């Protein structure tokens, strides 16, 4: 741990995400005796990463930010206070650069320019909704961006699971996004029925995909031409969420 602060940025940045994620685990495993060393390592990461965020992919930036913020949350008070300005600066820079990061992911890292996948969008929603972790007001424009990205993912993937069944279903992704945004609705005054608000926009998209998935059109078609079915557990989760939001799913 002590050697991390001596590493050059070019050596730290490529491994920033896994390093940031492992530091809270080190603290948890070995206790307060490692607090000073993990705090110092976290400070070095925050300082190195802030001007180098453009080098990270979208998922790496999220994992690095999450790890640094979680480390600050779990450190003893004295060490956490020392790390707080650095982690707050990293958060500010991460939020400021997030729109560009999404555009870059679409242009440079995803085939066909389709943008990041639904799981990644959901991951950012969950992270930014965690006020105990980030303790900062996220600009509403970023939630609008995440809502737009969510709508794109839902329209592309639907609510079912892919044919191989390897990834989580679109319904599971939608539920994670909705849970994150619903937890923020009081903070921003969002109405789930208002499609101009981020939460309402995602609610409306889920309703559209729900109807498309469950439509009975009277045509006898091969299953390959039909939308993939929604796993029962994910369907139940969506139904419960919509009931809590007070809007109709069917």
Protein backbone atom coordinates (compact mmCIF):
# COMPACT_ATOMS: atom_id res chain seq x y z
CA UNK A 1 0.00 0.00 0.00
CA UNK A 2 2.74 2.44 0.92
CA UNK A 3 4.39 1.91 -2.45
CA UNK A 4 1.32 3.11 -4.38
CA UNK A 5 2.01 6.74 -3.62
CA UNK A 6 5.44 6.37 -5.22
CA UNK A 7 4.07 5.03 -8.50
CA UNK A 8 4.00 7.21 -11.57
CA UNK A 9 0.61 8.19 -13.03
CA UNK A 10 1.25 6.07 -16.10
CA UNK A 11 1.53 3.02 -13.84
CA UNK A 12 -1.43 3.81 -11.58
CA UNK A 13 -4.07 4.97 -14.04
CA UNK A 14 -4.46 1.70 -16.02
CA UNK A 15 -5.07 -0.17 -12.75
CA UNK A 16 -7.09 2.58 -11.06
CA UNK A 17 -10.45 0.80 -11.09
CA UNK A 18 -9.35 -2.51 -9.50
CA UNK A 19 -7.11 -0.68 -7.04
CA UNK A 20 -9.90 1.64 -5.94
CA UNK A 21 -12.30 -1.27 -5.49
CA UNK A 22 -9.85 -3.32 -3.44
CA UNK A 23 -8.87 -0.59 -0.96
CA UNK A 24 -12.15 -0.69 1.04
CA UNK A 25 -11.87 -4.49 1.12
CA UNK A 26 -8.33 -4.24 2.53
CA UNK A 27 -9.58 -1.88 5.23
CA UNK A 28 -12.46 -4.21 6.04
CA UNK A 29 -10.25 -7.29 6.17
CA UNK A 30 -7.39 -5.89 8.24
CA UNK A 31 -9.08 -3.19 10.29
CA UNK A 32 -7.94 0.19 11.54
CA UNK A 33 -4.28 -0.84 11.58
CA UNK A 34 -4.32 -0.37 7.80
CA UNK A 35 -6.31 2.91 7.91
CA UNK A 36 -3.34 5.21 7.47
CA UNK A 37 -1.89 3.20 4.59
CA UNK A 38 -5.23 2.78 2.76
CA UNK A 39 -6.04 6.47 3.24
CA UNK A 40 -2.66 7.42 1.79
CA UNK A 41 -3.16 5.06 -1.15
CA UNK A 42 -6.66 6.45 -1.71
CA UNK A 43 -5.36 10.01 -1.66
CA UNK A 44 -2.72 9.13 -4.24
CA UNK A 45 -5.34 7.55 -6.48
CA UNK A 46 -7.67 10.55 -6.23
CA UNK A 47 -4.87 12.99 -7.02
CA UNK A 48 -3.56 10.98 -9.95
CA UNK A 49 -6.97 10.17 -11.41
CA UNK A 50 -8.55 13.60 -11.44
CA UNK A 51 -6.57 14.99 -14.42
CA UNK A 52 -6.42 11.56 -16.09
CA UNK A 53 -10.10 10.59 -16.06
CA UNK A 54 -10.28 10.93 -19.83
CA UNK A 55 -8.03 7.87 -20.10
CA UNK A 56 -10.56 5.61 -18.37
CA UNK A 57 -13.48 3.87 -19.99
CA UNK A 58 -16.94 4.60 -18.66
CA UNK A 59 -17.07 1.49 -16.48
CA UNK A 60 -13.54 2.07 -15.16
CA UNK A 61 -14.40 5.66 -14.21
CA UNK A 62 -17.47 4.46 -12.31
CA UNK A 63 -15.58 1.74 -10.47
CA UNK A 64 -12.70 4.07 -9.58
CA UNK A 65 -15.07 6.74 -8.28
CA UNK A 66 -17.15 4.20 -6.36
CA UNK A 67 -14.09 2.66 -4.73
CA UNK A 68 -12.61 6.00 -3.65
CA UNK A 69 -15.93 7.24 -2.25
CA UNK A 70 -16.54 3.98 -0.41
CA UNK A 71 -13.06 4.07 1.09
CA UNK A 72 -13.71 7.56 2.45
CA UNK A 73 -17.03 6.37 3.87
CA UNK A 74 -15.45 3.44 5.73
CA UNK A 75 -12.26 5.08 7.02
CA UNK A 76 -12.00 6.20 10.65
CA UNK A 77 -13.07 9.83 11.04
CA UNK A 78 -9.62 11.42 11.16
CA UNK A 79 -8.41 9.67 8.00
CA UNK A 80 -11.74 10.18 6.24
CA UNK A 81 -11.55 13.93 6.88
CA UNK A 82 -8.13 14.07 5.24
CA UNK A 83 -9.35 12.14 2.18
CA UNK A 84 -12.65 14.03 1.81
CA UNK A 85 -11.40 17.07 -0.20
CA UNK A 86 -9.62 14.81 -2.66
CA UNK A 87 -12.52 12.42 -3.15
CA UNK A 88 -14.92 15.37 -3.46
CA UNK A 89 -12.72 16.88 -6.17
CA UNK A 90 -12.65 13.53 -7.98
CA UNK A 91 -16.44 13.35 -7.78
CA UNK A 92 -16.80 16.87 -9.14
CA UNK A 93 -14.51 16.17 -12.09
CA UNK A 94 -16.22 12.83 -12.76
CA UNK A 95 -19.65 14.46 -12.90
CA UNK A 96 -18.41 17.32 -15.05
CA UNK A 97 -16.91 14.93 -17.59
CA UNK A 98 -19.69 12.34 -17.59
CA UNK A 99 -21.52 13.56 -20.74
CA UNK A 100 -18.27 13.49 -22.69
CA UNK A 101 -17.49 10.06 -21.26
CA UNK A 102 -20.81 8.71 -22.55
CA UNK A 103 -20.16 10.21 -25.99
CA UNK A 104 -16.68 8.74 -26.08
CA UNK A 105 -18.00 5.31 -25.15
CA UNK A 106 -20.38 5.49 -28.09
CA UNK A 107 -17.74 6.64 -30.57
CA UNK A 108 -14.63 4.76 -29.51
CA UNK A 109 -15.60 1.70 -27.48
CA UNK A 110 -18.90 0.35 -28.79
CA UNK A 111 -19.38 -1.23 -32.18
CA UNK A 112 -21.95 0.44 -34.37
CA UNK A 113 -22.06 3.55 -32.20
CA UNK A 114 -24.89 2.15 -30.07
CA UNK A 115 -23.48 3.48 -26.81
CA UNK A 116 -22.93 1.78 -23.43
CA UNK A 117 -25.05 -1.17 -22.38
CA UNK A 118 -27.98 -1.06 -20.01
CA UNK A 119 -26.06 -2.58 -17.09
CA UNK A 120 -23.50 0.23 -17.25
CA UNK A 121 -26.19 2.91 -17.37
CA UNK A 122 -27.91 1.25 -14.40
CA UNK A 123 -24.59 1.14 -12.55
CA UNK A 124 -24.16 4.90 -12.89
CA UNK A 125 -27.75 5.50 -11.80
CA UNK A 126 -27.25 3.40 -8.66
CA UNK A 127 -23.97 5.09 -7.83
CA UNK A 128 -25.25 8.65 -8.23
CA UNK A 129 -28.43 7.88 -6.31
CA UNK A 130 -26.47 6.66 -3.28
CA UNK A 131 -26.49 9.82 -1.20
CA UNK A 132 -24.91 8.10 1.80
CA UNK A 133 -21.94 7.41 -0.43
CA UNK A 134 -21.49 10.50 -2.60
CA UNK A 135 -23.11 13.12 -0.33
CA UNK A 136 -23.50 15.63 -3.14
CA UNK A 137 -26.25 17.10 -5.26
CA UNK A 138 -26.06 15.59 -8.74
CA UNK A 139 -27.04 18.14 -11.42
CA UNK A 140 -30.44 17.31 -12.86
CA UNK A 141 -28.99 17.56 -16.37
CA UNK A 142 -26.98 14.42 -15.64
CA UNK A 143 -30.14 12.59 -14.65
CA UNK A 144 -31.67 13.72 -17.94
CA UNK A 145 -28.65 12.26 -19.72
CA UNK A 146 -29.01 8.99 -17.84
CA UNK A 147 -32.74 8.89 -18.61
CA UNK A 148 -32.02 9.34 -22.32
CA UNK A 149 -29.40 6.60 -22.22
CA UNK A 150 -31.84 4.36 -20.34
CA UNK A 151 -34.52 4.90 -22.98
CA UNK A 152 -32.04 4.02 -25.72
CA UNK A 153 -31.02 0.80 -23.96
CA UNK A 154 -34.61 -0.24 -23.30
CA UNK A 155 -35.64 0.39 -26.90
CA UNK A 156 -32.68 -1.63 -28.17
CA UNK A 157 -32.85 -4.59 -25.78
CA UNK A 158 -36.45 -4.73 -24.60
CA UNK A 159 -37.34 -6.21 -21.21
CA UNK A 160 -36.51 -9.87 -21.85
CA UNK A 161 -33.27 -11.79 -21.51
CA UNK A 162 -31.08 -12.34 -24.55
CA UNK A 163 -31.38 -15.62 -26.43
CA UNK A 164 -28.28 -17.08 -24.78
CA UNK A 165 -29.57 -16.12 -21.33
CA UNK A 166 -26.10 -14.90 -20.33
CA UNK A 167 -26.91 -11.32 -19.35
CA UNK A 168 -29.43 -9.99 -16.89
CA UNK A 169 -32.76 -9.19 -18.47
CA UNK A 170 -33.80 -5.77 -19.70
CA UNK A 171 -36.47 -5.83 -16.99
CA UNK A 172 -33.79 -6.26 -14.30
CA UNK A 173 -31.83 -3.35 -15.75
CA UNK A 174 -34.98 -1.23 -15.93
CA UNK A 175 -35.83 -2.06 -12.31
CA UNK A 176 -32.37 -1.03 -11.10
CA UNK A 177 -32.63 2.27 -12.97
CA UNK A 178 -36.14 2.93 -11.68
CA UNK A 179 -35.17 2.10 -8.09
CA UNK A 180 -32.27 4.54 -8.28
CA UNK A 181 -34.33 7.35 -9.77
CA UNK A 182 -37.29 6.70 -7.48
CA UNK A 183 -35.01 7.15 -4.47
CA UNK A 184 -34.22 10.67 -5.76
CA UNK A 185 -37.71 11.81 -6.71
CA UNK A 186 -38.29 13.70 -3.46
CA UNK A 187 -34.98 15.49 -3.81
CA UNK A 188 -35.84 16.80 -7.29
CA UNK A 189 -39.63 16.87 -7.09
CA UNK A 190 -40.08 14.34 -9.89
CA UNK A 191 -43.54 13.07 -10.75
CA UNK A 192 -43.46 9.48 -12.10
CA UNK A 193 -46.25 10.44 -14.51
CA UNK A 194 -44.34 13.43 -15.93
CA UNK A 195 -42.51 12.24 -19.04
CA UNK A 196 -40.42 15.44 -19.12
CA UNK A 197 -38.76 14.44 -15.84
CA UNK A 198 -36.03 11.75 -15.85
CA UNK A 199 -38.04 9.32 -13.73
CA UNK A 200 -41.22 9.79 -15.75
CA UNK A 201 -39.33 9.38 -19.03
CA UNK A 202 -37.97 5.98 -17.96
CA UNK A 203 -41.37 4.95 -16.57
CA UNK A 204 -42.96 5.72 -19.96
CA UNK A 205 -40.28 3.75 -21.83
CA UNK A 206 -40.78 0.72 -19.59
CA UNK A 207 -44.53 0.90 -20.19
CA UNK A 208 -43.97 0.92 -23.95
CA UNK A 209 -41.62 -2.06 -23.82
CA UNK A 210 -43.94 -3.91 -21.45
CA UNK A 211 -46.83 -3.58 -23.88
CA UNK A 212 -44.62 -4.62 -26.78
CA UNK A 213 -43.36 -7.69 -24.93
CA UNK A 214 -46.77 -8.82 -23.75
CA UNK A 215 -48.82 -7.87 -26.81
CA UNK A 216 -51.09 -10.54 -28.26
CA UNK A 217 -51.48 -9.55 -31.90
CA UNK A 218 -53.26 -12.68 -33.12
CA UNK A 219 -50.44 -13.58 -35.50
CA UNK A 220 -48.88 -17.02 -35.30
CA UNK A 221 -45.16 -16.38 -35.60
CA UNK A 222 -42.06 -18.35 -34.77
CA UNK A 223 -40.68 -17.57 -31.31
CA UNK A 224 -37.53 -16.19 -32.90
CA UNK A 225 -39.56 -13.26 -34.21
CA UNK A 226 -41.18 -12.51 -30.86
CA UNK A 227 -39.67 -10.40 -28.05
CA UNK A 228 -37.77 -12.43 -25.46
CA UNK A 229 -39.95 -13.20 -22.43
CA UNK A 230 -39.43 -11.44 -19.10
CA UNK A 231 -38.11 -13.70 -16.31
CA UNK A 232 -40.82 -14.13 -13.64
CA UNK A 233 -38.73 -12.70 -10.79
CA UNK A 234 -37.91 -9.58 -12.82
CA UNK A 235 -41.55 -9.20 -13.84
CA UNK A 236 -42.60 -9.29 -10.19
CA UNK A 237 -39.95 -6.73 -9.30
CA UNK A 238 -41.22 -4.35 -11.99
CA UNK A 239 -44.83 -4.79 -10.91
CA UNK A 240 -43.93 -3.99 -7.31
CA UNK A 241 -41.95 -0.91 -8.36
CA UNK A 242 -44.77 0.48 -10.45
CA UNK A 243 -47.21 -0.15 -7.63
CA UNK A 244 -44.94 1.78 -5.24
CA UNK A 245 -44.68 4.63 -7.76
CA UNK A 246 -48.45 4.74 -8.13
CA UNK A 247 -48.51 4.31 -11.91
CA UNK A 248 -49.94 1.62 -14.17
CA UNK A 249 -47.61 -0.88 -15.79
CA UNK A 250 -50.13 -2.81 -17.91
